[in-house]
Amino acid sequence: MAGFSSFADLLAEMAAGKVWEVPFQKAGNVSVTNQWYSHWKQAGFPPAGDDPAATPGTQYSNDNGSIFFDDKDPDRKFLVKAGLVSQSASYASVVMVYDRLVGVSGISLTTTGDKTVNSAALPRYTDGVGVLAALEITTATNATAAVVTLNSYTNTGDQTGRAGNQVTLGSTYCPVGYFHILPLQAGDRGVKAVATINVGTATTGGIANLILFKPLAVIPLVPGISNDIEFVMQQAALPRIYDDACLGFLSFYTSSAAVGIGGCLTVAHG
């Protein structure tokens, strides 16, 4: 069976060259304090990613803008180390490495009512376990905080019409890249598909992508100091990187400054 049978096996596979070390650097943008921010549209390496298609959207697989790793079938790939640093000397942050699964563009926040999403099938994590939904702002809001609900989705048990709690998106201003994770109905473990998003209170100018994604790792950062996470020694399990994975980065800032991130991901296969 593919994978690593022991720590010694992992070290032997890496010593044999079955490992990638991929550096990255992504610019930031002015964010909303204490909210997630997406680096998907920001410059750097990898370069800025594209917006998905309108409903039923885009199934992401090694897309432009992502870090991706070649298929080594029958080997499996795992994230074994992540080294990151914030480009801020003053503000702490948290960085999430995630797999971008499905995106649907053109969700208008400028009018109230149900917005049709009808998202495409998940290309990976098809059972939906641990898959989350979020709104990623592509045109900034500039008056009145939008109030939205993930009001009709399919959960991991194939129950349709599920609905989470209503949430308010930041304040009157949500910049491009603002990334709000939407709550699920109590007891649900993930999302397979989204049918509609409801806008209860409209804003001015706001357009968003609906993104389905799988969190892989969360790394806390102290201002100006790098943090290296060894998943083998410090975590209970190695995050698996599936074939065609589309890896991106989110930051959670404690300030509204424009803060970029950089570092290196180490992935081994065996």
Protein backbone atom coordinates (compact mmCIF):
# COMPACT_ATOMS: atom_id res chain seq x y z
CA MET A 1 0.00 0.00 0.00
CA ALA A 2 1.32 3.44 -0.92
CA GLY A 3 2.31 5.80 1.86
CA PHE A 4 4.85 5.62 4.67
CA SER A 5 4.95 2.60 6.98
CA SER A 6 7.20 4.26 9.54
CA PHE A 7 9.29 7.35 10.28
CA ALA A 8 12.35 5.49 9.00
CA ASP A 9 10.50 4.71 5.76
CA LEU A 10 9.65 8.39 5.32
CA LEU A 11 13.29 9.41 5.85
CA ALA A 12 14.48 6.78 3.38
CA GLU A 13 12.02 7.92 0.71
CA MET A 14 13.08 11.55 1.18
CA ALA A 15 16.76 10.58 1.07
CA ALA A 16 16.03 8.85 -2.25
CA GLY A 17 14.85 12.19 -3.67
CA LYS A 18 11.10 11.64 -3.36
CA VAL A 19 10.52 15.13 -2.02
CA TRP A 20 9.71 18.63 -3.27
CA GLU A 21 10.62 21.90 -1.57
CA VAL A 22 8.57 24.72 -3.12
CA PRO A 23 9.15 28.34 -2.06
CA PHE A 24 6.31 30.86 -2.26
CA GLN A 25 5.75 34.57 -1.76
CA LYS A 26 2.37 36.29 -1.94
CA ALA A 27 1.59 39.98 -1.61
CA GLY A 28 -1.14 41.18 0.73
CA ASN A 29 -3.84 43.80 0.54
CA VAL A 30 -5.54 46.03 3.10
CA SER A 31 -7.66 43.59 5.08
CA VAL A 32 -10.42 43.68 7.67
CA THR A 33 -9.05 43.23 11.18
CA ASN A 34 -9.57 39.77 12.70
CA GLN A 35 -10.97 38.24 9.52
CA TRP A 36 -9.61 35.76 6.97
CA TYR A 37 -8.06 37.16 3.82
CA SER A 38 -7.39 35.30 0.56
CA HIS A 39 -4.08 35.72 -1.30
CA TRP A 40 -5.52 34.01 -4.41
CA LYS A 41 -5.72 37.21 -6.47
CA GLN A 42 -2.45 38.70 -5.23
CA ALA A 43 0.84 38.89 -7.12
CA GLY A 44 3.90 36.83 -6.29
CA PHE A 45 4.72 33.16 -6.67
CA PRO A 46 2.56 31.41 -7.56
CA PRO A 47 1.08 34.24 -9.65
CA ALA A 48 -2.40 35.65 -9.15
CA GLY A 49 -5.12 33.08 -9.72
CA ASP A 50 -8.16 33.41 -11.97
CA ASP A 51 -11.76 33.89 -10.91
CA PRO A 52 -13.93 30.80 -11.43
CA ALA A 53 -16.72 30.54 -13.96
CA ALA A 54 -20.32 31.42 -13.19
CA THR A 55 -22.70 28.68 -12.05
CA PRO A 56 -22.02 25.76 -11.87
CA GLY A 57 -18.51 27.17 -11.57
CA THR A 58 -15.02 25.73 -11.81
CA GLN A 59 -13.60 22.49 -10.43
CA TYR A 60 -10.06 23.46 -9.44
CA SER A 61 -7.25 21.07 -10.44
CA ASN A 62 -3.67 22.37 -10.66
CA ASP A 63 -5.08 25.73 -11.76
CA ASN A 64 -3.12 28.88 -12.49
CA GLY A 65 -2.42 30.60 -9.18
CA SER A 66 -1.93 27.45 -7.12
CA ILE A 67 1.00 25.46 -5.83
CA PHE A 68 0.69 21.97 -7.25
CA PHE A 69 2.70 18.76 -7.29
CA ASP A 70 3.01 16.14 -10.03
CA ASP A 71 1.09 12.88 -9.86
CA LYS A 72 3.43 10.10 -8.67
CA ASP A 73 0.94 7.21 -8.84
CA PRO A 74 0.88 4.80 -7.06
CA ASP A 75 2.71 6.93 -4.48
CA ARG A 76 0.79 9.23 -2.18
CA LYS A 77 1.91 12.77 -1.37
CA PHE A 78 2.00 14.33 2.09
CA LEU A 79 2.88 17.73 3.51
CA VAL A 80 5.77 17.10 5.90
CA LYS A 81 6.98 20.63 6.65
CA ALA A 82 5.82 24.23 6.24
CA GLY A 83 8.07 27.21 6.90
CA LEU A 84 6.38 30.61 6.81
CA VAL A 85 7.06 34.22 7.70
CA SER A 86 4.85 37.31 7.77
CA GLN A 87 6.19 40.40 6.04
CA SER A 88 4.88 42.54 8.90
CA ALA A 89 7.23 43.62 11.68
CA SER A 90 4.33 44.66 13.91
CA TYR A 91 1.26 42.45 13.52
CA ALA A 92 0.67 38.80 14.35
CA SER A 93 -1.24 36.56 11.95
CA VAL A 94 -2.27 32.99 11.21
CA VAL A 95 -1.79 31.39 7.79
CA MET A 96 -3.92 28.55 6.45
CA VAL A 97 -2.77 26.25 3.65
CA TYR A 98 -5.86 24.93 1.88
CA ASP A 99 -6.98 22.94 -1.16
CA ARG A 100 -9.24 25.05 -3.40
CA LEU A 101 -11.91 22.65 -4.71
CA VAL A 102 -14.81 24.47 -6.42
CA GLY A 103 -15.52 28.12 -7.13
CA VAL A 104 -18.61 29.91 -8.50
CA SER A 105 -18.26 33.55 -9.49
CA GLY A 106 -20.63 36.49 -9.75
CA ILE A 107 -22.50 36.23 -6.43
CA SER A 108 -24.02 39.70 -6.12
CA LEU A 109 -24.37 41.18 -2.64
CA THR A 110 -26.06 44.33 -3.93
CA THR A 111 -29.61 42.93 -3.92
CA THR A 112 -31.47 40.81 -1.41
CA GLY A 113 -32.90 37.32 -1.90
CA ASP A 114 -31.62 33.87 -2.88
CA LYS A 115 -28.61 33.76 -5.22
CA THR A 116 -28.34 30.68 -7.43
CA VAL A 117 -25.04 28.82 -7.00
CA ASN A 118 -25.66 25.14 -7.95
CA SER A 119 -21.98 24.35 -7.48
CA ALA A 120 -20.20 21.64 -9.48
CA ALA A 121 -19.29 18.30 -7.89
CA LEU A 122 -16.24 18.18 -5.65
CA PRO A 123 -13.15 16.97 -7.58
CA ARG A 124 -11.45 15.76 -4.36
CA TYR A 125 -12.75 14.98 -0.85
CA THR A 126 -15.91 13.84 -2.58
CA ASP A 127 -17.49 12.70 0.69
CA GLY A 128 -17.49 16.36 1.75
CA VAL A 129 -16.03 15.66 5.19
CA GLY A 130 -14.15 18.74 6.38
CA VAL A 131 -15.04 20.77 3.28
CA LEU A 132 -16.08 24.34 4.07
CA ALA A 133 -17.83 27.10 2.11
CA ALA A 134 -16.81 30.75 2.02
CA LEU A 135 -17.50 34.00 0.21
CA GLU A 136 -14.40 35.58 -1.37
CA ILE A 137 -14.89 39.24 -2.23
CA THR A 138 -13.89 40.20 -5.79
CA THR A 139 -15.51 43.67 -5.90
CA ALA A 140 -15.26 45.60 -2.63
CA THR A 141 -18.32 46.54 -0.62
CA ASN A 142 -18.51 50.21 0.32
CA ALA A 143 -21.78 50.89 2.13
CA THR A 144 -23.84 48.82 4.58
CA ALA A 145 -22.56 45.49 5.90
CA ALA A 146 -24.00 42.60 3.88
CA VAL A 147 -25.90 39.95 5.84
CA VAL A 148 -25.81 36.49 4.23
CA THR A 149 -26.79 32.88 4.89
CA LEU A 150 -25.60 29.59 3.42
CA ASN A 151 -29.25 28.70 3.15
CA SER A 152 -29.41 25.63 0.90
CA TYR A 153 -26.55 23.13 0.69
CA THR A 154 -25.95 19.38 0.66
CA ASN A 155 -24.13 17.91 3.64
CA THR A 156 -21.95 14.81 3.95
CA GLY A 157 -25.02 12.64 4.52
CA ASP A 158 -26.53 13.78 1.20
CA GLN A 159 -29.20 15.78 3.00
CA THR A 160 -30.24 18.72 0.83
CA GLY A 161 -31.70 22.07 1.85
CA ARG A 162 -29.39 22.45 4.83
CA ALA A 163 -28.94 26.00 6.19
CA GLY A 164 -26.40 27.66 8.47
CA ASN A 165 -26.74 30.72 10.66
CA GLN A 166 -27.00 34.23 9.24
CA VAL A 167 -23.71 36.17 9.33
CA THR A 168 -22.61 39.77 8.76
CA LEU A 169 -19.69 40.34 6.38
CA GLY A 170 -17.21 42.57 8.19
CA SER A 171 -18.33 46.17 8.25
CA THR A 172 -19.38 48.67 5.60
CA TYR A 173 -16.11 48.03 3.76
CA CYS A 174 -14.92 44.56 2.73
CA PRO A 175 -11.87 44.75 0.40
CA VAL A 176 -11.03 42.48 -2.50
CA GLY A 177 -9.75 39.25 -0.97
CA TYR A 178 -11.92 39.38 2.15
CA PHE A 179 -12.76 35.72 2.86
CA HIS A 180 -15.69 34.88 5.15
CA ILE A 181 -16.18 31.22 6.08
CA LEU A 182 -19.89 30.48 6.26
CA PRO A 183 -21.32 28.52 9.21
CA LEU A 184 -23.01 25.17 8.65
CA GLN A 185 -26.16 23.79 10.23
CA ALA A 186 -25.52 22.33 13.67
CA GLY A 187 -24.14 18.78 13.53
CA ASP A 188 -22.95 18.90 9.90
CA ARG A 189 -19.36 17.84 9.18
CA GLY A 190 -18.92 19.41 5.75
CA VAL A 191 -20.38 20.50 2.41
CA LYS A 192 -20.77 18.52 -0.81
CA ALA A 193 -22.54 21.20 -2.86
CA VAL A 194 -24.22 24.58 -2.49
CA ALA A 195 -27.56 25.35 -4.13
CA THR A 196 -28.21 28.94 -2.97
CA ILE A 197 -26.83 31.78 -0.88
CA ASN A 198 -29.32 34.20 0.66
CA VAL A 199 -28.59 37.91 1.02
CA GLY A 200 -30.76 39.31 3.82
CA THR A 201 -29.23 42.80 3.82
CA ALA A 202 -27.66 44.15 0.63
CA THR A 203 -24.54 46.28 0.32
CA THR A 204 -23.19 48.60 -2.40
CA GLY A 205 -20.74 47.31 -5.01
CA GLY A 206 -20.19 43.89 -3.48
CA ILE A 207 -19.49 40.88 -5.72
CA ALA A 208 -18.14 37.58 -4.41
CA ASN A 209 -17.02 34.10 -5.39
CA LEU A 210 -18.49 31.12 -3.54
CA ILE A 211 -15.53 28.87 -2.70
CA LEU A 212 -15.59 25.28 -1.46
CA PHE A 213 -12.26 24.38 0.13
CA LYS A 214 -10.50 21.92 2.40
CA PRO A 215 -8.22 23.30 5.16
CA LEU A 216 -4.93 21.38 5.34
CA ALA A 217 -2.76 23.21 7.89
CA VAL A 218 -2.88 26.31 10.08
CA ILE A 219 0.39 27.99 11.11
CA PRO A 220 0.59 30.86 13.66
CA LEU A 221 3.09 33.63 12.92
CA VAL A 222 4.83 36.11 15.20
CA PRO A 223 5.69 39.44 13.51
CA GLY A 224 8.93 39.26 11.54
CA ILE A 225 9.85 35.75 12.80
CA SER A 226 9.60 32.59 10.72
CA ASN A 227 7.78 29.54 12.05
CA ASP A 228 8.66 26.06 10.83
CA ILE A 229 6.10 23.32 11.42
CA GLU A 230 7.37 19.74 11.26
CA PHE A 231 4.20 17.72 10.73
CA VAL A 232 6.00 14.43 11.37
CA MET A 233 7.12 15.37 14.90
CA GLN A 234 4.66 18.09 15.93
CA GLN A 235 1.29 16.99 14.54
CA ALA A 236 -0.87 13.90 14.90
CA ALA A 237 -0.93 13.18 11.15
CA LEU A 238 0.56 14.30 7.84
CA PRO A 239 -1.83 16.36 5.66
CA ARG A 240 -2.31 14.44 2.43
CA ILE A 241 -1.92 16.29 -0.87
CA TYR A 242 -4.20 14.64 -3.43
CA ASP A 243 -3.42 14.43 -7.12
CA ASP A 244 -4.48 17.64 -8.92
CA ALA A 245 -4.68 19.53 -5.59
CA CYS A 246 -4.90 23.31 -5.96
CA LEU A 247 -3.12 24.77 -2.93
CA GLY A 248 -3.69 28.35 -1.82
CA PHE A 249 -3.14 30.53 1.24
CA LEU A 250 -5.37 32.44 3.64
CA SER A 251 -4.21 34.88 6.31
CA PHE A 252 -5.97 35.95 9.49
CA TYR A 253 -4.66 39.38 10.46
CA THR A 254 -4.78 41.26 13.73
CA SER A 255 -4.49 44.54 11.84
CA SER A 256 -5.85 46.18 8.69
CA ALA A 257 -2.39 46.60 7.14
CA ALA A 258 -1.40 45.20 3.74
CA VAL A 259 0.67 42.20 4.82
CA GLY A 260 2.27 39.62 2.54
CA ILE A 261 3.55 36.16 3.39
CA GLY A 262 6.39 33.95 2.23
CA GLY A 263 7.99 30.61 2.95
CA CYS A 264 8.43 27.07 1.70
CA LEU A 265 6.28 23.92 1.59
CA THR A 266 7.95 20.50 1.76
CA VAL A 267 6.01 17.59 0.29
CA ALA A 268 7.21 13.96 0.21
CA HIS A 269 5.79 11.01 -1.69
CA GLY A 270 6.02 7.31 -1.11
